[in-house]
N, C-alpha and C. Protein backbone atom coordinates (compact mmCIF):
# COMPACT_ATOMS: atom_id res chain seq x y z
N MET A 1 5.44 -7.27 4.23
CA MET A 1 5.46 -8.88 4.32
C MET A 1 4.47 -9.73 3.33
N PHE A 2 3.80 -8.97 2.34
CA PHE A 2 3.47 -9.30 1.07
C PHE A 2 4.43 -9.69 0.39
N PHE A 3 5.93 -8.51 0.03
CA PHE A 3 7.14 -8.80 -0.72
C PHE A 3 7.94 -10.07 0.15
N ALA A 4 7.85 -10.46 1.43
CA ALA A 4 8.88 -11.28 1.85
C ALA A 4 7.66 -12.52 1.19
N ALA A 5 6.37 -12.83 1.68
CA ALA A 5 5.87 -13.74 1.42
C ALA A 5 6.14 -14.37 -0.30
N PHE A 6 6.05 -13.30 -0.92
CA PHE A 6 6.50 -13.57 -2.60
C PHE A 6 7.75 -13.94 -3.01
N THR A 7 8.82 -13.58 -2.26
CA THR A 7 10.20 -13.24 -2.34
C THR A 7 10.25 -15.27 -1.68
N SER A 8 9.66 -15.80 -0.92
CA SER A 8 9.85 -17.31 -0.85
C SER A 8 8.92 -18.06 -1.12
N SER A 9 8.35 -17.54 -2.12
CA SER A 9 7.57 -18.39 -3.14
C SER A 9 8.38 -18.20 -4.25
N MET A 10 8.88 -17.64 -4.69
CA MET A 10 9.45 -17.25 -5.67
C MET A 10 10.65 -17.95 -5.77
N ILE A 11 11.15 -17.57 -4.89
CA ILE A 11 12.86 -19.01 -4.45
C ILE A 11 12.15 -20.11 -4.48
N VAL A 12 10.95 -21.11 -3.94
CA VAL A 12 10.87 -22.05 -3.79
C VAL A 12 10.52 -22.39 -5.48
N ARG A 13 9.48 -21.65 -6.00
CA ARG A 13 9.00 -22.03 -7.13
C ARG A 13 10.44 -22.43 -8.27
N GLN A 14 11.57 -21.30 -8.42
CA GLN A 14 12.22 -20.95 -8.92
C GLN A 14 12.95 -22.46 -9.25
N GLY A 15 12.97 -22.75 -8.09
CA GLY A 15 14.04 -24.28 -7.41
C GLY A 15 13.33 -25.52 -7.73
N VAL A 16 12.10 -25.27 -7.66
CA VAL A 16 11.36 -26.79 -8.17
C VAL A 16 11.02 -27.11 -9.48
N THR A 17 11.01 -26.13 -10.45
CA THR A 17 10.30 -26.46 -11.36
C THR A 17 11.30 -26.15 -12.63
N PRO A 18 11.42 -27.09 -14.07
CA PRO A 18 12.20 -26.80 -14.82
C PRO A 18 11.90 -25.37 -16.11
N ASP A 19 10.80 -25.08 -15.69
CA ASP A 19 9.92 -24.05 -16.70
C ASP A 19 10.31 -22.65 -16.39
N TRP A 20 11.24 -22.29 -15.60
CA TRP A 20 11.75 -21.32 -14.95
C TRP A 20 12.31 -20.21 -16.38
N LEU A 21 11.81 -19.11 -16.92
CA LEU A 21 12.68 -18.42 -18.01
C LEU A 21 13.30 -17.22 -17.71
N HIS A 22 14.49 -17.37 -17.80
CA HIS A 22 15.46 -16.28 -17.59
C HIS A 22 15.14 -15.15 -18.37
N PHE A 23 15.10 -13.82 -18.64
CA PHE A 23 15.25 -12.70 -19.39
C PHE A 23 15.93 -11.62 -18.89
N GLN A 24 16.35 -10.87 -19.52
CA GLN A 24 16.64 -9.51 -19.08
C GLN A 24 15.77 -8.57 -18.66
N LEU A 25 16.18 -7.70 -17.62
CA LEU A 25 15.17 -7.20 -17.52
C LEU A 25 15.55 -5.69 -18.08
N PRO A 26 14.02 -5.18 -18.58
CA PRO A 26 14.29 -3.55 -19.40
C PRO A 26 15.24 -2.44 -18.86
N ARG A 27 16.11 -1.76 -19.64
CA ARG A 27 17.19 -0.94 -18.95
C ARG A 27 16.05 0.01 -18.69
N VAL A 28 15.11 0.23 -18.75
CA VAL A 28 14.40 1.55 -18.19
C VAL A 28 14.31 1.48 -16.83
N MET A 29 14.20 0.00 -15.96
CA MET A 29 14.06 -0.16 -14.69
C MET A 29 15.55 0.64 -14.05
N TYR A 30 16.58 0.73 -14.45
CA TYR A 30 17.36 1.26 -13.75
C TYR A 30 17.59 2.54 -14.04
N VAL A 31 17.20 3.04 -14.83
CA VAL A 31 16.69 4.54 -14.78
C VAL A 31 15.91 4.83 -13.80
N SER A 32 14.91 4.38 -14.06
CA SER A 32 13.70 4.91 -13.18
C SER A 32 13.85 4.47 -11.54
N THR A 33 15.23 3.36 -11.43
CA THR A 33 15.51 3.55 -10.28
C THR A 33 16.22 4.79 -9.61
N LEU A 34 16.96 5.50 -10.38
CA LEU A 34 17.87 6.27 -10.03
C LEU A 34 17.05 7.30 -9.65
N VAL A 35 15.72 7.67 -10.91
CA VAL A 35 14.61 8.35 -10.57
C VAL A 35 14.10 8.31 -9.09
N LEU A 36 13.84 7.18 -8.62
CA LEU A 36 13.21 7.16 -7.43
C LEU A 36 13.84 7.24 -6.11
N LEU A 37 15.39 6.94 -6.32
CA LEU A 37 16.56 7.33 -5.58
C LEU A 37 16.00 9.05 -5.43
N ALA A 38 16.22 9.72 -6.62
CA ALA A 38 16.29 11.21 -6.56
C ALA A 38 15.13 12.01 -5.54
N SER A 39 13.96 10.61 -6.05
CA SER A 39 13.20 11.86 -5.25
C SER A 39 13.08 11.44 -3.83
N SER A 40 13.64 10.54 -3.26
CA SER A 40 14.13 10.23 -1.75
C SER A 40 15.11 11.55 -1.29
N LEU A 41 15.90 12.12 -1.93
CA LEU A 41 16.62 13.07 -2.09
C LEU A 41 16.11 14.86 -1.88
N THR A 42 14.88 14.45 -2.94
CA THR A 42 14.08 15.97 -3.03
C THR A 42 13.11 15.80 -1.88
N LEU A 43 12.56 14.79 -1.09
CA LEU A 43 11.74 14.64 -0.21
C LEU A 43 12.70 14.91 1.02
N GLU A 44 13.85 14.72 1.37
CA GLU A 44 14.62 15.36 2.46
C GLU A 44 15.35 16.56 2.43
N LEU A 45 14.98 17.26 1.24
CA LEU A 45 15.34 18.54 1.03
C LEU A 45 14.09 19.56 1.36
N ALA A 46 12.87 18.82 1.19
CA ALA A 46 11.89 19.59 1.40
C ALA A 46 11.43 19.50 3.00
N ARG A 47 11.75 18.46 3.45
CA ARG A 47 11.65 17.98 4.87
C ARG A 47 12.86 18.84 6.03
N ARG A 48 14.08 19.21 5.43
CA ARG A 48 14.80 19.75 5.74
C ARG A 48 13.98 21.37 5.78
N ARG A 49 13.79 21.88 4.75
CA ARG A 49 12.98 23.29 4.58
C ARG A 49 12.22 23.69 5.64
N PHE A 50 11.31 22.37 6.05
CA PHE A 50 10.13 22.68 7.02
C PHE A 50 10.39 22.33 7.98
N ALA A 51 11.22 21.88 8.72
CA ALA A 51 12.15 21.81 10.09
C ALA A 51 12.67 23.01 10.42
N THR A 52 13.77 23.56 9.63
CA THR A 52 14.40 24.93 9.94
C THR A 52 13.26 26.04 9.87
N ALA A 53 12.12 26.09 9.03
CA ALA A 53 11.33 26.57 9.10
C ALA A 53 10.15 26.90 10.59
N SER A 54 9.92 25.75 10.54
CA SER A 54 8.83 25.36 11.70
C SER A 54 9.96 25.58 13.11
N ASP A 55 10.90 24.89 13.17
CA ASP A 55 12.15 24.93 14.55
C ASP A 55 12.78 26.49 14.79
N SER A 56 12.47 27.77 13.74
CA SER A 56 13.05 29.00 14.38
C SER A 56 11.60 29.10 14.62
N GLY A 57 10.63 29.04 14.41
CA GLY A 57 9.48 29.74 14.58
C GLY A 57 8.97 31.27 13.55
N SER A 58 10.02 30.84 12.58
CA SER A 58 9.63 31.76 11.32
C SER A 58 8.64 31.38 10.41
N ALA A 59 8.17 30.50 10.28
CA ALA A 59 7.30 29.96 9.34
C ALA A 59 5.96 31.27 8.84
N PHE A 60 5.98 32.33 9.72
CA PHE A 60 5.25 33.54 8.85
C PHE A 60 6.05 34.50 8.92
N THR A 61 7.33 34.48 8.94
CA THR A 61 8.12 35.72 8.62
C THR A 61 8.65 35.36 6.92
N GLU A 62 9.08 36.55 6.43
CA GLU A 62 9.32 36.41 5.02
C GLU A 62 10.47 35.59 4.82
N SER A 63 11.26 35.28 5.53
CA SER A 63 12.19 33.99 5.55
C SER A 63 11.98 32.82 5.31
N GLY A 64 10.84 32.60 6.50
CA GLY A 64 10.49 31.49 7.15
C GLY A 64 9.09 31.24 5.69
N ARG A 65 8.44 32.06 5.31
CA ARG A 65 7.54 31.66 4.04
C ARG A 65 8.68 31.40 3.07
N THR A 66 9.96 31.60 2.57
CA THR A 66 10.70 31.55 1.58
C THR A 66 11.27 30.11 1.75
N LEU A 67 11.37 29.73 3.26
CA LEU A 67 11.87 28.08 3.42
C LEU A 67 10.58 27.45 2.99
N VAL A 68 9.52 27.91 3.43
CA VAL A 68 8.59 26.93 3.35
C VAL A 68 7.97 26.97 1.87
N SER A 69 7.92 27.80 0.60
CA SER A 69 7.94 27.85 -0.28
C SER A 69 8.86 26.92 -1.25
N LYS A 70 10.42 27.00 -0.50
CA LYS A 70 11.23 26.14 -1.36
C LYS A 70 10.86 24.92 -0.60
N GLY A 71 10.33 24.26 0.54
CA GLY A 71 10.22 22.79 0.75
C GLY A 71 8.87 22.68 0.18
N MET A 72 7.84 23.48 -0.13
CA MET A 72 6.46 23.01 -0.87
C MET A 72 7.40 22.65 -2.14
N TYR A 73 8.19 23.51 -3.13
CA TYR A 73 8.44 22.98 -4.44
C TYR A 73 9.40 21.84 -4.25
N TRP A 74 9.78 21.64 -3.56
CA TRP A 74 10.59 20.25 -3.53
C TRP A 74 9.70 18.88 -3.31
N MET A 75 8.79 19.40 -2.64
CA MET A 75 7.89 18.29 -2.44
C MET A 75 7.12 17.89 -3.84
N TYR A 76 6.23 19.41 -4.62
CA TYR A 76 6.07 18.79 -5.88
C TYR A 76 7.16 17.90 -6.66
N VAL A 77 8.14 18.41 -6.51
CA VAL A 77 9.83 17.66 -7.36
C VAL A 77 9.81 16.27 -7.04
N THR A 78 9.13 15.86 -5.69
CA THR A 78 9.06 14.50 -5.28
C THR A 78 7.98 13.69 -5.86
N GLY A 79 6.86 14.20 -5.95
CA GLY A 79 5.76 13.37 -6.29
C GLY A 79 5.76 13.77 -7.85
N ALA A 80 6.31 14.73 -8.59
CA ALA A 80 6.88 14.04 -9.64
C ALA A 80 7.93 13.07 -10.19
N LEU A 81 8.81 13.25 -9.31
CA LEU A 81 9.54 12.14 -9.41
C LEU A 81 9.07 10.92 -9.34
N GLY A 82 7.67 10.76 -8.32
CA GLY A 82 7.46 9.56 -8.16
C GLY A 82 6.39 9.32 -9.07
N LEU A 83 5.83 10.19 -9.93
CA LEU A 83 4.73 9.91 -11.24
C LEU A 83 6.18 9.22 -12.33
N LEU A 84 7.15 9.69 -12.57
CA LEU A 84 7.94 9.24 -13.55
C LEU A 84 8.34 8.52 -13.18
N PHE A 85 8.94 7.77 -12.09
CA PHE A 85 9.18 6.44 -11.42
C PHE A 85 8.00 5.49 -12.20
N VAL A 86 6.70 5.62 -11.81
CA VAL A 86 5.33 4.68 -12.16
C VAL A 86 5.08 4.81 -13.97
N LEU A 87 5.64 5.59 -14.59
CA LEU A 87 5.70 5.99 -16.00
C LEU A 87 7.05 5.05 -16.57
N GLY A 88 8.20 5.15 -15.63
CA GLY A 88 9.10 4.10 -16.08
C GLY A 88 8.77 2.69 -16.09
N GLN A 89 7.86 1.93 -15.02
CA GLN A 89 7.44 1.02 -14.75
C GLN A 89 6.41 0.53 -16.05
N MET A 90 5.97 1.76 -16.27
CA MET A 90 4.92 1.16 -17.53
C MET A 90 6.30 0.99 -18.75
N LEU A 91 6.86 1.37 -19.10
CA LEU A 91 7.56 1.26 -20.00
C LEU A 91 8.06 0.14 -19.88
N ALA A 92 8.45 -0.47 -18.56
CA ALA A 92 8.99 -1.67 -18.99
C ALA A 92 8.10 -2.93 -19.28
N TRP A 93 7.23 -2.50 -18.58
CA TRP A 93 6.17 -3.73 -18.84
C TRP A 93 5.53 -3.54 -20.12
N ARG A 94 5.65 -2.39 -21.27
CA ARG A 94 5.33 -2.34 -22.62
C ARG A 94 6.60 -3.36 -23.02
N SER A 95 7.48 -2.60 -22.65
CA SER A 95 9.02 -4.03 -23.27
C SER A 95 8.97 -5.24 -23.31
N LEU A 96 8.53 -5.61 -21.74
CA LEU A 96 8.33 -7.18 -22.15
C LEU A 96 6.98 -7.64 -22.98
N ARG A 97 6.16 -6.71 -23.00
CA ARG A 97 5.15 -6.89 -23.76
C ARG A 97 5.85 -7.17 -25.22
N ALA A 98 6.58 -6.49 -25.71
CA ALA A 98 7.24 -6.58 -26.93
C ALA A 98 7.93 -7.41 -27.23
N GLN A 99 8.45 -8.20 -26.02
CA GLN A 99 9.20 -9.75 -25.96
C GLN A 99 8.37 -10.85 -26.13
N GLY A 100 6.79 -10.15 -25.79
CA GLY A 100 6.03 -11.79 -25.62
C GLY A 100 6.28 -11.89 -24.49
N LEU A 101 6.34 -11.33 -23.75
CA LEU A 101 6.19 -11.79 -22.00
C LEU A 101 5.13 -11.30 -21.14
N TYR A 102 4.35 -11.71 -20.78
CA TYR A 102 2.99 -11.50 -20.33
C TYR A 102 2.76 -11.86 -18.72
N LEU A 103 1.65 -11.23 -18.16
CA LEU A 103 1.83 -12.13 -16.77
C LEU A 103 1.32 -13.26 -16.76
N ALA A 104 0.87 -14.38 -17.84
CA ALA A 104 0.43 -15.40 -17.63
C ALA A 104 1.69 -16.23 -18.54
N THR A 105 2.55 -15.92 -19.29
CA THR A 105 3.36 -16.29 -20.26
C THR A 105 4.18 -17.53 -19.30
N ASN A 106 5.09 -17.25 -18.34
CA ASN A 106 5.35 -18.42 -17.31
C ASN A 106 5.35 -17.80 -15.91
N PRO A 107 6.19 -18.71 -15.24
CA PRO A 107 6.54 -18.21 -13.56
C PRO A 107 7.34 -17.05 -13.89
N SER A 108 8.40 -16.83 -13.99
CA SER A 108 8.91 -16.36 -13.75
C SER A 108 8.55 -14.61 -14.09
N SER A 109 7.84 -14.09 -15.47
CA SER A 109 7.20 -13.23 -15.46
C SER A 109 6.13 -13.00 -14.97
N SER A 110 5.31 -13.78 -14.41
CA SER A 110 4.30 -13.60 -13.51
C SER A 110 4.82 -13.18 -12.07
N PHE A 111 5.86 -13.59 -11.64
CA PHE A 111 6.64 -12.91 -10.49
C PHE A 111 6.85 -11.51 -10.70
N PHE A 112 7.69 -11.59 -11.74
CA PHE A 112 8.16 -9.75 -12.50
C PHE A 112 6.93 -9.01 -12.37
N TYR A 113 5.67 -9.45 -13.08
CA TYR A 113 4.41 -8.55 -13.18
C TYR A 113 4.24 -8.03 -11.40
N VAL A 114 3.75 -8.94 -10.90
CA VAL A 114 3.53 -9.05 -9.33
C VAL A 114 4.33 -8.38 -8.49
N PHE A 115 5.51 -8.48 -8.69
CA PHE A 115 6.54 -7.53 -7.79
C PHE A 115 6.35 -5.95 -8.26
N THR A 116 6.40 -6.00 -9.77
CA THR A 116 6.48 -4.29 -10.08
C THR A 116 5.16 -3.77 -10.13
N VAL A 117 4.08 -4.29 -10.27
CA VAL A 117 2.69 -3.93 -10.18
C VAL A 117 2.34 -3.28 -8.82
N THR A 118 2.67 -4.34 -7.78
CA THR A 118 2.10 -4.20 -6.70
C THR A 118 2.92 -3.03 -5.78
N HIS A 119 4.37 -2.83 -6.28
CA HIS A 119 5.25 -1.82 -6.08
C HIS A 119 4.53 -0.58 -6.55
N ALA A 120 4.50 -0.43 -7.81
CA ALA A 120 3.99 0.36 -8.44
C ALA A 120 2.50 1.02 -7.60
N ILE A 121 1.95 0.45 -7.49
CA ILE A 121 0.36 1.01 -6.58
C ILE A 121 0.94 1.05 -5.54
N HIS A 122 2.03 0.37 -4.54
CA HIS A 122 2.37 1.48 -3.28
C HIS A 122 2.48 2.59 -3.45
N LEU A 123 3.77 2.63 -4.59
CA LEU A 123 4.40 3.95 -4.92
C LEU A 123 3.00 5.14 -5.20
N LEU A 124 2.35 4.96 -6.09
CA LEU A 124 0.63 5.70 -6.15
C LEU A 124 0.04 5.99 -4.51
N GLY A 125 0.26 5.28 -4.07
CA GLY A 125 -0.48 5.32 -2.52
C GLY A 125 0.98 6.54 -1.85
N GLY A 126 1.98 6.23 -2.30
CA GLY A 126 2.94 7.18 -1.73
C GLY A 126 2.55 8.82 -2.46
N ILE A 127 2.29 8.36 -4.28
CA ILE A 127 2.02 10.53 -4.66
C ILE A 127 0.53 10.84 -3.89
N CYS A 128 -0.16 10.24 -3.52
CA CYS A 128 -1.00 10.57 -2.82
C CYS A 128 -0.83 11.24 -1.63
N GLY A 129 0.09 10.65 -1.19
CA GLY A 129 0.32 11.33 0.06
C GLY A 129 1.08 12.23 0.01
N VAL A 130 1.69 12.73 -1.17
CA VAL A 130 2.44 13.71 -1.23
C VAL A 130 1.16 14.66 -1.70
N ALA A 131 0.50 14.70 -2.40
CA ALA A 131 -0.72 15.55 -2.56
C ALA A 131 -1.42 15.63 -1.43
N TYR A 132 -1.40 14.72 -0.16
CA TYR A 132 -2.31 15.25 1.09
C TYR A 132 -1.32 16.04 1.79
N VAL A 133 0.21 15.94 1.65
CA VAL A 133 0.92 16.43 2.97
C VAL A 133 0.65 18.13 2.38
N LEU A 134 1.02 18.20 0.60
CA LEU A 134 1.11 19.60 0.43
C LEU A 134 -0.24 19.99 0.53
N ALA A 135 -1.78 19.29 0.47
CA ALA A 135 -2.71 20.21 1.09
C ALA A 135 -2.70 20.86 2.48
N ARG A 136 -2.44 19.96 3.29
CA ARG A 136 -2.16 20.50 4.32
C ARG A 136 -1.23 21.91 4.61
N LEU A 137 -0.38 21.55 3.76
CA LEU A 137 0.70 22.80 3.95
C LEU A 137 0.25 23.71 3.79
N ARG A 138 -0.95 24.28 2.72
CA ARG A 138 -1.45 24.87 2.24
C ARG A 138 -2.65 25.61 3.05
N LYS A 139 -3.17 24.77 3.38
CA LYS A 139 -4.30 24.75 4.81
C LYS A 139 -3.67 25.57 5.91
N THR A 140 -2.58 25.30 6.31
CA THR A 140 -1.99 25.53 7.48
C THR A 140 -0.74 26.35 7.11
N ASN A 141 -1.04 27.37 6.17
CA ASN A 141 0.29 28.48 5.33
C ASN A 141 1.68 27.39 6.09
N GLY A 142 1.95 26.78 5.30
CA GLY A 142 3.20 25.81 5.55
C GLY A 142 3.64 25.11 6.87
N VAL A 143 3.02 25.23 8.05
CA VAL A 143 3.40 24.76 9.16
C VAL A 143 3.00 23.33 9.08
N ALA A 144 3.68 22.35 9.25
CA ALA A 144 3.93 21.09 8.84
C ALA A 144 4.27 20.73 10.26
N ARG A 145 2.94 19.66 10.60
CA ARG A 145 2.81 18.51 11.37
C ARG A 145 4.15 17.73 11.31
N LYS A 146 4.82 17.60 12.46
CA LYS A 146 6.67 16.69 12.28
C LYS A 146 5.72 15.09 12.49
N SER A 147 4.56 15.07 12.97
CA SER A 147 4.18 13.46 13.04
C SER A 147 3.79 12.69 11.77
N GLY A 148 2.76 13.75 10.69
CA GLY A 148 2.45 13.41 10.10
C GLY A 148 3.37 13.35 9.13
N PHE A 149 3.74 14.82 8.62
CA PHE A 149 5.16 14.63 7.73
C PHE A 149 6.09 13.30 7.90
N GLY A 150 6.25 13.48 8.88
CA GLY A 150 7.32 12.09 9.42
C GLY A 150 6.93 10.75 8.88
N ALA A 151 5.78 10.48 9.06
CA ALA A 151 4.88 8.84 8.71
C ALA A 151 5.49 9.25 7.00
N PHE A 152 4.68 10.23 6.70
CA PHE A 152 4.80 10.20 5.00
C PHE A 152 6.40 9.85 4.64
N SER A 153 7.22 10.33 5.34
CA SER A 153 8.68 10.39 5.12
C SER A 153 9.06 9.29 5.14
N ILE A 154 8.91 8.61 6.25
CA ILE A 154 9.15 6.76 5.95
C ILE A 154 8.74 6.09 5.69
N TYR A 155 7.21 6.53 5.07
CA TYR A 155 6.51 5.31 4.04
C TYR A 155 7.82 5.68 2.57
N TRP A 156 7.65 7.07 2.54
CA TRP A 156 8.28 7.28 1.47
C TRP A 156 9.66 6.84 1.06
N HIS A 157 10.35 6.36 2.27
CA HIS A 157 11.69 5.89 1.96
C HIS A 157 11.97 4.86 2.12
N PHE A 158 11.16 4.13 2.78
CA PHE A 158 10.37 2.69 2.58
C PHE A 158 10.44 2.11 1.29
N MET A 159 9.57 2.47 0.52
CA MET A 159 9.11 2.52 -0.53
C MET A 159 10.90 2.56 -1.51
N ASP A 160 11.42 3.56 -1.48
CA ASP A 160 12.66 3.36 -2.05
C ASP A 160 13.35 1.97 -1.77
N ILE A 161 13.75 2.13 -0.48
CA ILE A 161 14.36 1.15 -0.23
C ILE A 161 13.92 -0.51 -0.21
N LEU A 162 12.65 -0.81 -0.54
CA LEU A 162 11.68 -1.94 -0.88
C LEU A 162 12.02 -1.94 -2.37
N TRP A 163 12.62 -0.82 -3.19
CA TRP A 163 12.30 -0.95 -4.86
C TRP A 163 13.89 -1.43 -5.11
N VAL A 164 14.82 -1.05 -4.30
CA VAL A 164 16.10 -1.41 -4.49
C VAL A 164 16.26 -3.03 -3.98
N TYR A 165 15.71 -3.32 -2.86
CA TYR A 165 15.71 -5.07 -2.61
C TYR A 165 15.00 -5.77 -4.13
N LEU A 166 13.79 -5.06 -4.14
CA LEU A 166 12.82 -5.78 -5.00
C LEU A 166 13.71 -5.90 -6.64
N LEU A 167 14.64 -4.84 -7.43
CA LEU A 167 15.32 -4.82 -8.20
C LEU A 167 16.78 -5.53 -7.99
N LEU A 168 17.39 -5.53 -7.07
CA LEU A 168 18.23 -6.55 -6.84
C LEU A 168 18.30 -7.84 -7.05
N LEU A 169 16.79 -8.34 -6.64
CA LEU A 169 16.06 -9.56 -6.53
C LEU A 169 15.92 -10.34 -7.84
N LEU A 170 14.88 -9.17 -8.49
CA LEU A 170 14.70 -9.51 -9.94
C LEU A 170 16.41 -9.98 -10.64
N VAL A 171 17.17 -8.73 -10.26
CA VAL A 171 18.41 -9.33 -11.51
C VAL A 171 19.13 -10.58 -11.46
N LEU A 172 19.45 -10.56 -9.91
CA LEU A 172 19.69 -12.10 -9.36
C LEU A 172 19.13 -13.14 -9.81
N ARG A 173 17.61 -13.13 -9.64
CA ARG A 173 16.66 -14.21 -10.34
C ARG A 173 16.63 -13.93 -11.53
N PHE A 174 16.62 -13.13 -12.25
CA PHE A 174 16.18 -13.27 -13.67
C PHE A 174 17.13 -12.81 -14.53
């Protein structure tokens, strides 16, 4: 709802005032988008490893442990890609600052920073979710509760979809 409200206010603000500044988005945003989309792929790889191990009841067999360890590997990669995305956002902010565009420079830069910082904060929450899931998996010897892991997966994929939406919005409006 937060992003929908700010999208609406941005569209209205852009339409009623002549002080809207159009600027080029930093290229690193496109690279970091690919990184974030790759993180959804690695999360799915992890989810499938855990599902196969728990569905076959083999979480405690040698082949099950291999599936679990591969799933945990992909969870670590997911978290690392999430951190890499946030790093990419920080580089984008640095690029805009180098151009003299700050939070309070004009309405367009304000909306850019609000959208990207808020999304990065939500993604950091998702990275905490990765850490939580990994801690639970270690505690339960790799047996993932479908409800908790499923909720986390939905959140992570939603953050990816939300970012694609925000990027398209920024590209079309800036």
